[in-house]
Protein backbone atom coordinates (compact mmCIF):
# COMPACT_ATOMS: atom_id res chain seq x y z
CA MET A 1 -15.39 -35.98 -0.45
CA SER A 2 -12.82 -34.83 2.10
CA PRO A 3 -9.31 -34.11 0.83
CA ASP A 4 -8.06 -36.27 3.70
CA SER A 5 -10.27 -39.25 2.90
CA GLU A 6 -8.94 -42.47 1.45
CA ALA A 7 -11.43 -42.29 -1.42
CA PHE A 8 -10.22 -38.79 -2.34
CA LEU A 9 -6.58 -39.85 -2.37
CA THR A 10 -7.39 -42.97 -4.39
CA LEU A 11 -9.19 -40.86 -6.99
CA GLN A 12 -6.48 -38.19 -7.05
CA ALA A 13 -3.85 -40.88 -7.72
CA ASN A 14 -5.10 -40.98 -11.31
CA THR A 15 -3.59 -38.89 -14.13
CA PRO A 16 -6.02 -39.49 -17.01
CA LEU A 17 -4.65 -36.90 -19.43
CA LEU A 18 -0.99 -37.68 -18.77
CA ASP A 19 -1.65 -41.42 -19.14
CA ALA A 20 -3.49 -40.93 -22.44
CA LEU A 21 -0.71 -38.74 -23.81
CA GLN A 22 1.91 -41.29 -22.81
CA ALA A 23 -0.04 -44.08 -24.51
CA CYS A 24 -0.34 -42.07 -27.72
CA ALA A 25 3.36 -41.20 -27.65
CA LEU A 26 4.32 -44.87 -27.36
CA ARG A 27 1.88 -46.09 -30.00
CA VAL A 28 3.43 -46.84 -33.39
CA LYS A 29 1.35 -45.20 -36.11
CA THR A 30 2.23 -43.46 -39.35
CA PRO A 31 1.51 -39.75 -38.75
CA PHE A 32 -0.20 -37.68 -41.43
CA TYR A 33 -1.29 -35.01 -38.96
CA THR A 34 0.26 -31.95 -37.36
CA PRO A 35 2.78 -30.94 -36.09
CA GLY A 36 5.11 -30.98 -39.05
CA HIS A 37 8.02 -32.63 -37.25
CA LYS A 38 5.97 -35.90 -37.28
CA ARG A 39 6.63 -37.16 -33.78
CA GLY A 40 10.20 -35.87 -33.88
CA GLN A 41 11.24 -37.51 -37.15
CA GLY A 42 11.73 -34.10 -38.76
CA SER A 43 12.94 -32.18 -35.71
CA PRO A 44 16.12 -30.14 -36.25
CA ASP A 45 19.27 -31.81 -34.98
CA ARG A 46 20.15 -28.75 -32.91
CA LEU A 47 16.78 -28.95 -31.17
CA THR A 48 16.96 -32.66 -30.41
CA ALA A 49 20.51 -32.16 -29.15
CA VAL A 50 19.04 -29.90 -26.44
CA PHE A 51 15.73 -31.63 -25.67
CA GLY A 52 16.28 -35.20 -26.80
CA THR A 53 13.84 -37.04 -29.04
CA GLN A 54 11.28 -38.45 -26.60
CA VAL A 55 9.52 -35.15 -25.88
CA PHE A 56 8.62 -34.73 -29.55
CA ARG A 57 6.77 -38.04 -29.59
CA ALA A 58 4.42 -36.53 -27.02
CA ASP A 59 4.05 -33.21 -28.86
CA LEU A 60 0.71 -34.26 -30.34
CA PRO A 61 -2.44 -32.53 -31.61
CA GLU A 62 -6.04 -33.12 -30.59
CA LEU A 63 -6.18 -36.80 -31.52
CA PRO A 64 -9.47 -38.59 -30.74
CA GLU A 65 -7.86 -40.29 -27.73
CA LEU A 66 -6.71 -36.96 -26.32
CA ASP A 67 -10.07 -35.13 -26.14
CA ASN A 68 -10.80 -31.52 -27.14
CA LEU A 69 -9.88 -28.63 -24.84
CA PHE A 70 -12.85 -26.51 -25.97
CA ALA A 71 -15.45 -29.29 -25.72
CA PRO A 72 -13.96 -31.86 -23.35
CA GLN A 73 -15.78 -35.16 -22.89
CA GLY A 74 -12.92 -37.56 -22.23
CA VAL A 75 -9.53 -37.37 -20.57
CA ILE A 76 -9.35 -33.56 -20.42
CA GLN A 77 -12.75 -33.44 -18.76
CA ALA A 78 -11.66 -36.10 -16.27
CA ALA A 79 -8.41 -34.25 -15.52
CA GLN A 80 -10.22 -30.94 -15.02
CA GLU A 81 -12.74 -32.55 -12.66
CA LEU A 82 -9.89 -33.98 -10.57
CA ALA A 83 -8.29 -30.53 -10.50
CA ALA A 84 -11.53 -28.91 -9.36
CA ALA A 85 -11.76 -31.35 -6.45
CA ALA A 86 -8.10 -30.81 -5.51
CA PHE A 87 -8.22 -27.01 -5.62
CA GLY A 88 -11.61 -26.63 -3.96
CA ALA A 89 -13.52 -25.50 -7.06
CA ASP A 90 -16.86 -26.45 -8.52
CA ARG A 91 -15.41 -26.27 -12.02
CA THR A 92 -11.91 -25.93 -13.44
CA TRP A 93 -10.61 -25.07 -16.90
CA PHE A 94 -7.05 -25.85 -18.05
CA LEU A 95 -5.23 -22.95 -19.67
CA ALA A 96 -2.43 -23.41 -22.21
CA ASN A 97 -1.98 -19.66 -22.63
CA GLY A 98 -1.11 -18.73 -19.06
CA SER A 99 -3.07 -16.77 -16.50
CA THR A 100 -3.29 -14.03 -19.13
CA ALA A 101 -5.97 -16.04 -20.95
CA GLY A 102 -7.80 -16.70 -17.69
CA VAL A 103 -7.85 -13.08 -16.57
CA ILE A 104 -9.14 -11.89 -19.95
CA ALA A 105 -11.78 -14.63 -19.99
CA ALA A 106 -12.90 -13.71 -16.45
CA ILE A 107 -13.67 -10.16 -17.58
CA LEU A 108 -15.35 -11.30 -20.81
CA ALA A 109 -17.48 -13.73 -18.82
CA THR A 110 -18.80 -11.10 -16.41
CA CYS A 111 -18.91 -7.81 -18.32
CA ASN A 112 -20.66 -6.60 -21.45
CA PRO A 113 -19.53 -3.52 -23.39
CA GLY A 114 -20.10 -0.45 -21.21
CA ASP A 115 -20.38 -2.42 -17.96
CA LYS A 116 -18.35 -1.18 -15.00
CA ILE A 117 -15.83 -3.39 -13.25
CA ILE A 118 -14.06 -2.39 -10.02
CA LEU A 119 -10.32 -3.03 -10.16
CA PRO A 120 -7.15 -2.31 -8.20
CA ARG A 121 -4.69 0.00 -9.88
CA ASN A 122 -1.92 -2.62 -9.62
CA VAL A 123 -3.53 -5.05 -12.05
CA HIS A 124 -1.54 -7.15 -14.50
CA GLN A 125 -1.46 -5.81 -18.05
CA SER A 126 -3.65 -8.75 -19.11
CA VAL A 127 -6.51 -6.95 -17.37
CA ILE A 128 -6.11 -4.05 -19.78
CA SER A 129 -6.34 -6.53 -22.65
CA GLY A 130 -9.54 -7.83 -21.06
CA LEU A 131 -10.95 -4.31 -20.87
CA VAL A 132 -10.09 -3.66 -24.52
CA LEU A 133 -11.68 -6.89 -25.71
CA SER A 134 -14.78 -6.68 -23.50
CA GLY A 135 -15.43 -2.94 -23.70
CA ALA A 136 -15.88 -2.88 -19.92
CA VAL A 137 -15.27 0.41 -18.11
CA PRO A 138 -12.68 0.27 -15.31
CA ILE A 139 -13.35 1.86 -11.94
CA PHE A 140 -9.93 1.87 -10.34
CA ILE A 141 -9.15 1.67 -6.63
CA GLN A 142 -5.67 2.54 -5.45
CA PRO A 143 -4.06 -0.32 -3.51
CA GLU A 144 -2.85 0.54 -0.05
CA TYR A 145 0.67 1.93 -0.13
CA ASP A 146 3.21 1.75 2.69
CA PRO A 147 5.66 4.67 2.33
CA ALA A 148 7.82 3.34 5.15
CA LEU A 149 8.47 0.11 3.28
CA ASP A 150 7.84 1.57 -0.20
CA LEU A 151 5.50 -1.32 -1.07
CA ALA A 152 2.04 -1.49 -2.59
CA TYR A 153 -0.37 -3.91 -0.90
CA SER A 154 -3.93 -4.95 -1.71
CA ILE A 155 -7.15 -2.99 -1.95
CA THR A 156 -9.23 -2.91 1.26
CA PRO A 157 -12.81 -3.95 2.03
CA VAL A 158 -13.59 -0.35 3.05
CA ALA A 159 -12.38 1.01 -0.29
CA VAL A 160 -14.40 -1.60 -2.17
CA ALA A 161 -17.54 -0.82 -0.16
CA GLU A 162 -17.15 2.92 -0.78
CA THR A 163 -16.60 2.38 -4.49
CA LEU A 164 -19.64 0.13 -4.77
CA THR A 165 -21.71 2.81 -3.05
CA GLN A 166 -20.56 5.27 -5.70
CA HIS A 167 -20.98 2.76 -8.53
CA PRO A 168 -23.83 0.43 -7.56
CA ASP A 169 -24.22 -0.61 -11.21
CA ALA A 170 -20.80 -2.33 -11.30
CA LYS A 171 -20.97 -5.90 -12.57
CA ALA A 172 -17.91 -7.38 -10.84
CA VAL A 173 -15.02 -6.72 -8.49
CA MET A 174 -11.51 -7.94 -9.27
CA MET A 175 -8.54 -7.99 -6.91
CA VAL A 176 -4.92 -9.16 -6.96
CA SER A 177 -4.03 -11.50 -4.11
CA PRO A 178 -1.25 -12.31 -3.48
CA THR A 179 0.87 -9.55 -4.95
CA TYR A 180 4.27 -10.24 -6.46
CA TYR A 181 5.71 -9.69 -2.97
CA GLY A 182 3.42 -12.33 -1.45
CA VAL A 183 1.10 -9.85 0.28
CA CYS A 184 -2.52 -11.00 0.46
CA GLY A 185 -5.61 -8.87 0.85
CA ASN A 186 -8.71 -9.62 2.89
CA VAL A 187 -10.39 -11.76 0.25
CA ALA A 188 -13.14 -12.97 2.58
CA ALA A 189 -14.30 -9.48 3.54
CA ILE A 190 -14.15 -8.19 -0.04
CA ALA A 191 -16.08 -11.24 -1.27
CA HIS A 192 -18.74 -10.58 1.38
CA THR A 193 -19.02 -6.95 0.25
CA ALA A 194 -19.30 -7.91 -3.41
CA HIS A 195 -21.93 -10.54 -2.64
CA GLN A 196 -23.99 -8.00 -0.69
CA HIS A 197 -24.30 -6.19 -4.03
CA ASN A 198 -25.02 -9.51 -5.77
CA ILE A 199 -21.93 -9.36 -7.97
CA PRO A 200 -18.99 -11.77 -8.17
CA LEU A 201 -15.46 -11.37 -6.87
CA LEU A 202 -12.77 -12.30 -9.39
CA VAL A 203 -9.27 -12.92 -7.98
CA ASP A 204 -6.03 -12.78 -9.91
CA GLU A 205 -4.35 -15.44 -7.78
CA ALA A 206 -1.57 -16.10 -10.27
CA HIS A 207 1.04 -16.38 -7.52
CA GLY A 208 -1.12 -18.37 -5.08
CA ALA A 209 -1.74 -21.76 -6.72
CA HIS A 210 -0.12 -23.48 -3.72
CA PHE A 211 -2.31 -21.94 -1.02
CA ALA A 212 -4.90 -24.73 -0.98
CA PHE A 213 -2.40 -27.40 0.02
CA HIS A 214 -0.99 -26.34 3.39
CA PRO A 215 -2.76 -24.90 6.47
CA ALA A 216 0.15 -22.55 7.29
CA LEU A 217 -0.28 -20.69 4.01
CA PRO A 218 -2.80 -17.87 3.46
CA ILE A 219 -6.35 -19.02 2.75
CA ALA A 220 -6.97 -19.76 -0.93
CA ALA A 221 -9.25 -17.30 -2.71
CA LEU A 222 -12.03 -19.82 -3.41
CA ALA A 223 -12.02 -21.01 0.21
CA ALA A 224 -12.32 -17.36 1.29
CA GLY A 225 -15.45 -16.84 -0.80
CA ALA A 226 -14.19 -15.74 -4.23
CA ASP A 227 -16.34 -16.73 -7.17
CA LEU A 228 -13.49 -17.09 -9.66
CA ALA A 229 -9.74 -17.48 -9.29
CA VAL A 230 -7.05 -17.59 -11.94
CA GLN A 231 -3.82 -19.36 -10.97
CA SER A 232 -0.48 -19.73 -12.72
CA THR A 233 0.14 -23.37 -11.91
CA HIS A 234 3.62 -23.01 -13.35
CA LYS A 235 4.68 -20.14 -11.06
CA THR A 236 4.64 -21.82 -7.66
CA LEU A 237 3.80 -25.44 -8.51
CA SER A 238 5.41 -27.82 -10.99
CA ALA A 239 3.51 -27.36 -14.26
CA MET A 240 5.38 -26.22 -17.34
CA THR A 241 5.71 -22.53 -18.14
CA GLN A 242 2.49 -21.06 -19.57
CA ALA A 243 0.31 -23.77 -17.97
CA ALA A 244 -2.41 -22.32 -15.72
CA MET A 245 -5.94 -22.92 -14.42
CA LEU A 246 -9.18 -21.00 -14.03
CA HIS A 247 -11.48 -22.09 -11.20
CA THR A 248 -15.03 -21.10 -10.31
CA LYS A 249 -17.20 -21.77 -7.29
CA GLY A 250 -20.86 -21.03 -6.70
CA ASP A 251 -23.48 -19.88 -9.19
CA ARG A 252 -22.57 -16.22 -9.76
CA ILE A 253 -20.37 -17.03 -12.78
CA ASP A 254 -21.87 -18.49 -15.96
CA GLY A 255 -19.65 -21.46 -16.78
CA ASN A 256 -20.82 -21.61 -20.38
CA ARG A 257 -19.81 -18.00 -20.87
CA VAL A 258 -16.37 -18.74 -19.38
CA SER A 259 -15.97 -21.55 -21.91
CA LYS A 260 -16.99 -19.27 -24.78
CA ALA A 261 -14.61 -16.56 -23.59
CA LEU A 262 -11.71 -18.99 -23.38
CA GLN A 263 -12.32 -20.00 -26.97
CA LEU A 264 -11.60 -16.39 -27.93
CA VAL A 265 -8.22 -16.22 -26.18
CA GLN A 266 -6.78 -19.74 -26.36
CA SER A 267 -5.20 -21.49 -29.30
CA THR A 268 -7.21 -24.12 -31.16
CA SER A 269 -3.95 -26.09 -31.18
CA PRO A 270 -3.10 -26.21 -27.47
CA SER A 271 0.12 -27.87 -26.36
CA TYR A 272 -0.64 -31.25 -24.82
CA LEU A 273 2.73 -31.11 -23.10
CA LEU A 274 1.43 -28.12 -21.13
CA LEU A 275 -2.00 -29.64 -20.50
CA ALA A 276 -0.51 -32.93 -19.30
CA SER A 277 1.83 -31.02 -16.97
CA LEU A 278 -1.26 -29.53 -15.32
CA ASP A 279 -2.63 -33.03 -14.74
CA ALA A 280 0.69 -34.13 -13.25
CA ALA A 281 1.08 -31.02 -11.07
CA ARG A 282 -2.43 -31.51 -9.66
CA HIS A 283 -1.66 -35.16 -8.90
CA GLN A 284 1.55 -34.20 -7.13
CA MET A 285 -0.14 -31.61 -4.92
CA ALA A 286 -3.25 -33.68 -4.15
CA THR A 287 -1.18 -36.66 -3.03
CA GLN A 288 2.01 -35.06 -1.63
CA GLY A 289 1.28 -31.33 -1.44
CA GLU A 290 1.27 -30.76 2.30
CA GLN A 291 4.48 -32.73 2.79
CA LEU A 292 6.26 -30.91 -0.04
CA LEU A 293 5.12 -27.50 1.12
CA GLU A 294 6.08 -28.25 4.74
CA GLN A 295 9.65 -28.65 3.54
CA THR A 296 9.40 -25.52 1.39
CA LEU A 297 8.16 -23.51 4.36
CA GLU A 298 10.99 -24.82 6.52
CA PHE A 299 13.54 -23.79 3.90
CA ALA A 300 11.93 -20.36 3.49
CA ASP A 301 11.84 -19.74 7.24
CA GLU A 302 15.49 -20.79 7.55
CA ALA A 303 16.50 -18.47 4.72
CA ARG A 304 14.54 -15.55 6.21
CA SER A 305 16.06 -16.08 9.65
CA ARG A 306 19.63 -16.35 8.38
CA LEU A 307 19.34 -13.39 6.01
CA ASN A 308 18.02 -11.21 8.81
CA GLN A 309 21.26 -11.93 10.68
CA ILE A 310 23.36 -10.35 7.94
CA PRO A 311 24.01 -6.69 8.84
CA GLY A 312 22.35 -4.41 6.31
CA LEU A 313 19.64 -6.86 5.28
CA SER A 314 16.03 -7.20 6.39
CA THR A 315 13.10 -9.19 5.03
CA LEU A 316 9.39 -8.68 4.74
CA ASP A 317 8.08 -10.52 7.78
CA PRO A 318 4.87 -12.54 8.21
CA GLU A 319 4.47 -10.84 11.60
CA GLN A 320 3.78 -7.57 9.78
CA ALA A 321 0.52 -8.97 8.43
CA GLY A 322 -2.58 -7.43 9.96
CA GLN A 323 -0.77 -4.29 11.09
CA THR A 324 -1.43 -2.34 7.90
CA ALA A 325 -4.54 -1.99 5.76
CA GLY A 326 -4.29 -4.07 2.63
CA PHE A 327 -1.83 -6.50 4.23
CA ALA A 328 -3.96 -9.32 5.64
CA ALA A 329 -1.43 -12.14 5.29
CA LEU A 330 1.98 -12.93 3.83
CA ASP A 331 2.95 -15.97 1.82
CA ARG A 332 5.93 -17.30 3.77
CA THR A 333 7.35 -18.97 0.66
CA ARG A 334 7.88 -15.53 -0.91
CA LEU A 335 11.14 -13.98 0.28
CA THR A 336 11.43 -10.20 -0.16
CA VAL A 337 14.82 -8.89 0.97
CA LYS A 338 15.58 -5.21 1.52
CA VAL A 339 19.16 -4.54 0.41
CA THR A 340 19.58 -0.78 0.67
CA GLY A 341 21.20 -1.17 4.09
CA LEU A 342 24.19 -2.61 2.22
CA GLY A 343 24.67 0.69 0.43
CA LEU A 344 23.27 -0.83 -2.78
CA ASP A 345 20.04 -0.46 -4.69
CA GLY A 346 18.13 -3.60 -5.63
CA PHE A 347 19.05 -3.46 -9.32
CA THR A 348 22.78 -3.33 -8.60
CA ALA A 349 22.50 -6.09 -6.00
CA ASP A 350 20.53 -8.22 -8.48
CA ALA A 351 23.19 -7.83 -11.17
CA ILE A 352 25.99 -8.82 -8.78
CA LEU A 353 24.11 -11.83 -7.43
CA ASN A 354 23.17 -13.03 -10.90
CA GLU A 355 26.40 -12.35 -12.79
CA GLN A 356 29.04 -12.96 -10.14
CA LEU A 357 27.51 -15.09 -7.40
CA GLY A 358 25.27 -17.48 -9.31
CA VAL A 359 21.97 -16.64 -7.61
CA THR A 360 19.05 -15.21 -9.57
CA ALA A 361 16.09 -13.38 -8.02
CA GLU A 362 12.59 -13.37 -9.43
CA LEU A 363 12.06 -9.60 -9.18
CA PRO A 364 14.44 -6.72 -8.47
CA SER A 365 13.10 -3.35 -7.39
CA PHE A 366 14.77 -0.25 -6.03
CA GLN A 367 15.00 -1.33 -2.40
CA TYR A 368 14.22 -5.05 -2.64
CA LEU A 369 14.95 -8.37 -4.24
CA THR A 370 12.14 -10.90 -4.28
CA PHE A 371 12.77 -14.64 -4.41
CA ILE A 372 10.18 -17.37 -5.06
CA MET A 373 10.65 -20.42 -2.86
CA SER A 374 8.86 -23.50 -4.14
CA LEU A 375 8.80 -27.28 -3.86
CA GLY A 376 11.66 -27.40 -6.39
CA ASN A 377 14.14 -25.65 -4.13
CA THR A 378 16.64 -27.65 -2.07
CA LYS A 379 18.61 -27.14 1.13
CA GLU A 380 21.65 -26.56 -1.07
CA ASP A 381 19.79 -23.70 -2.76
CA ILE A 382 19.20 -22.04 0.61
CA GLU A 383 22.85 -22.37 1.52
CA LYS A 384 23.90 -20.80 -1.80
CA LEU A 385 21.42 -17.95 -1.31
CA VAL A 386 22.66 -17.13 2.19
CA GLN A 387 26.32 -17.41 1.28
CA ALA A 388 25.78 -15.23 -1.78
CA PHE A 389 24.26 -12.50 0.39
CA TRP A 390 27.17 -12.72 2.83
CA ALA A 391 29.51 -12.31 -0.13
CA LEU A 392 27.44 -9.40 -1.39
CA ALA A 393 27.65 -7.73 2.01
CA VAL A 394 31.43 -8.09 2.03
CA MET A 395 31.68 -6.76 -1.54
CA ALA A 396 29.48 -3.79 -0.66
CA GLY A 397 31.82 -2.87 2.19
CA GLY A 398 31.12 -0.69 5.20
CA THR A 399 27.93 -2.58 5.93
CA ALA A 400 28.26 -2.77 9.70
CA GLU A 401 29.21 0.89 9.95
CA THR A 402 26.25 1.87 7.76
CA GLN A 403 23.94 -0.08 10.04
CA ARG A 404 25.40 1.39 13.22
CA ARG A 405 24.76 4.88 11.90
CA GLY A 406 21.27 3.87 10.86
CA GLU A 407 21.79 5.39 7.42
CA PRO A 408 20.50 2.98 4.78
CA PHE A 409 21.37 3.90 1.22
CA ARG A 410 18.96 6.24 -0.49
CA PRO A 411 19.91 8.71 -3.24
CA SER A 412 18.94 12.31 -2.55
CA SER A 413 16.62 12.19 -5.57
CA TYR A 414 14.66 9.23 -4.21
CA SER A 415 11.35 9.91 -2.56
CA PRO A 416 8.67 7.20 -2.27
CA VAL A 417 5.42 8.44 -3.75
CA ALA A 418 2.00 6.84 -3.54
CA ALA A 419 0.65 6.14 -7.02
CA SER A 420 -2.56 7.94 -6.07
CA ASP A 421 -0.58 11.18 -5.89
CA ILE A 422 0.11 11.10 -9.62
CA CYS A 423 -2.95 9.20 -10.92
CA PRO A 424 -4.05 11.00 -14.13
CA PRO A 425 -7.65 11.56 -15.21
CA SER A 426 -9.29 9.24 -17.74
CA ARG A 427 -10.89 10.61 -20.91
CA LEU A 428 -11.46 7.44 -22.96
CA THR A 429 -12.04 3.80 -22.09
CA PRO A 430 -9.11 1.45 -22.75
CA ARG A 431 -11.09 -0.01 -25.66
CA ALA A 432 -11.76 3.38 -27.23
CA ALA A 433 -8.12 4.36 -26.86
CA PHE A 434 -6.98 1.09 -28.39
CA PHE A 435 -9.12 1.53 -31.51
CA ALA A 436 -8.52 5.26 -31.86
CA GLU A 437 -6.08 6.62 -34.40
CA THR A 438 -2.73 7.06 -32.67
CA GLU A 439 0.64 8.66 -33.25
CA THR A 440 4.07 8.62 -31.65
CA ARG A 441 5.19 11.84 -29.97
CA SER A 442 8.25 12.87 -28.04
CA ILE A 443 7.60 12.61 -24.34
CA ALA A 444 7.50 16.40 -23.97
CA GLN A 445 4.97 16.71 -26.79
CA ALA A 446 2.81 13.94 -25.31
CA ILE A 447 1.88 16.01 -22.25
CA ASN A 448 -1.88 16.72 -22.06
CA HIS A 449 -2.63 14.16 -24.75
CA ILE A 450 -4.37 10.84 -24.17
CA SER A 451 -2.14 7.83 -23.72
CA ALA A 452 -2.66 4.93 -26.11
CA GLU A 453 -0.33 2.76 -24.06
CA LEU A 454 -0.03 1.14 -20.68
CA VAL A 455 3.04 2.37 -18.79
CA CYS A 456 3.91 0.41 -15.68
CA PRO A 457 7.07 1.09 -13.67
CA TYR A 458 8.92 -1.53 -11.64
CA PRO A 459 9.05 -0.63 -8.81
CA PRO A 460 6.37 -0.43 -7.57
CA GLY A 461 4.48 -2.36 -10.28
CA ILE A 462 1.44 -0.08 -10.37
CA PRO A 463 0.55 1.35 -13.81
CA VAL A 464 1.03 5.10 -13.93
CA LEU A 465 -0.63 5.51 -17.32
CA MET A 466 -3.45 3.43 -18.77
CA PRO A 467 -4.79 3.62 -22.32
CA GLY A 468 -7.34 6.44 -22.33
CA GLU A 469 -5.75 8.45 -19.51
CA VAL A 470 -4.30 11.93 -19.84
CA VAL A 471 -0.51 12.17 -19.94
CA SER A 472 0.31 14.58 -17.12
CA GLU A 473 3.57 16.30 -16.24
CA ALA A 474 3.46 14.71 -12.80
CA ALA A 475 3.13 11.22 -14.28
CA ILE A 476 6.05 11.74 -16.67
CA ALA A 477 8.24 13.21 -13.93
CA TYR A 478 7.49 10.21 -11.73
CA LEU A 479 8.31 7.73 -14.53
CA LYS A 480 11.56 9.52 -15.34
CA ALA A 481 12.57 9.38 -11.68
CA ILE A 482 11.99 5.62 -11.65
CA LEU A 483 14.19 5.18 -14.72
CA THR A 484 16.92 7.40 -13.26
CA LEU A 485 17.03 5.22 -10.16
CA GLY A 486 17.46 2.05 -12.23
CA GLY A 487 13.84 0.95 -12.50
CA THR A 488 12.22 -0.34 -15.67
CA LEU A 489 9.02 0.32 -17.57
CA SER A 490 6.79 -2.29 -19.12
CA GLY A 491 3.78 -2.19 -21.42
CA CYS A 492 4.96 0.68 -23.62
CA ALA A 493 6.64 0.52 -27.02
CA ASP A 494 9.56 2.69 -25.86
CA PRO A 495 10.71 1.60 -22.38
CA SER A 496 13.32 4.37 -22.40
CA LEU A 497 10.44 6.89 -22.32
CA GLN A 498 11.84 9.05 -25.08
CA THR A 499 8.54 8.70 -26.95
CA LEU A 500 4.96 7.68 -26.20
CA ARG A 501 2.06 6.63 -28.38
CA VAL A 502 -0.94 8.90 -27.86
CA VAL A 503 -4.40 9.25 -29.34
CA LYS A 504 -4.34 11.65 -32.25
CA PRO A 505 -5.93 15.08 -31.77
CA PRO A 506 -8.60 16.39 -31.41
CA PHE A 507 -8.50 14.18 -28.29
CA ALA A 508 -6.40 16.29 -25.94
CA PHE A 509 -6.74 17.77 -22.49
CA SER A 510 -6.09 21.38 -21.60
CA GLY A 511 -6.85 21.45 -17.88
């Protein structure tokens, strides 16, 4: 059935799960089931003062009328089938635990303990959780890095082909597309390479749920040949936070194993508010998606054009796609603004915009601020964004003179470094490191021991240490430099990097 056909649109006009939840919320019955607030009757006054009372009537458990997420046969099954048709999948699963659950399930569904999986180094930390739970062995590929722009892109088809030649026993390839900055890799070519080796391509497409609904956006992963895609429907569409989807296409992924894996990582008491928001978001995109995204693209293009006119600012441009390996396309709704020409780093600019000018970015990094444009943004939002940057430029002072001299701000201690230059050797699998006996050491004493933690700096968002890898002096020096420049660390117990959890001796490295 064509997405443009009248029959498709008629079918997609239905919202079976949302309708069933609404009917249950309106029905008058005496509740002797969870949750304990009993349809809002016992909700705290302070909570109802914020959210009202109506939402609690719809905060319901798996009543017979509402189906079962782990064995759907009714309205959840119908809603998931509509989503599969809308997103171009053969099968879709609703996720009430975010893309995190989907990414972990994707690994569990394709890898047994000891199996190899090919991954980019800039994976989300949920991938490490998937490796720990599955016992799969990661074979990492460094994403392409652009030192001129100080940005990490995607992995390349050439790198995947070379890695598969070296590891022909790998069971799957996973890639991240798009990145947080909206940069997409060549999914089609990488899928073709994976399929030549008769293994599936898994795509962390958390930031690309909107791609399927407008021809001017990058091609969606499933349409490009991916076998599985995980999407955060809440990130760029209109579902509630933590609501996501997992899609499969073709016969390389065992759907029953996906279902079993999701039972391991999802709650047996899923929020029907989240699940119903997925049904509603799908309906919105299937029936109005192209129109809504056309407006979003217009707003994004206007913002990009106007920001580029402010001296000291520049944006990541769609025209740059195809000029660099690992940068096949750019999501035009993702606005990445370089601010160092103002004489400011991204973290300082972010604080000023947020605290003084009323505009909040999605992601600050040393040189950039990244903004997510979506169907919820308005023309007034664009005006506020542009005016805030003009105000920031005035507050920074000396902008025009800085630009005339061609001397963008960069501290003498700052030097972009490709993550591959400091990538430490691995001595244990993430699973082995997770279950090993560990201890906390000062950062100096952790050198040459095996990390028990993931340490990921922002920027550039590529993990420098994974569980099971040797803590090297170069890695620690790099992480300290990031912190000194105002960056942040995620994944580790001590983000100040005074201490690190390592595997207890005798696991240590002397070379």
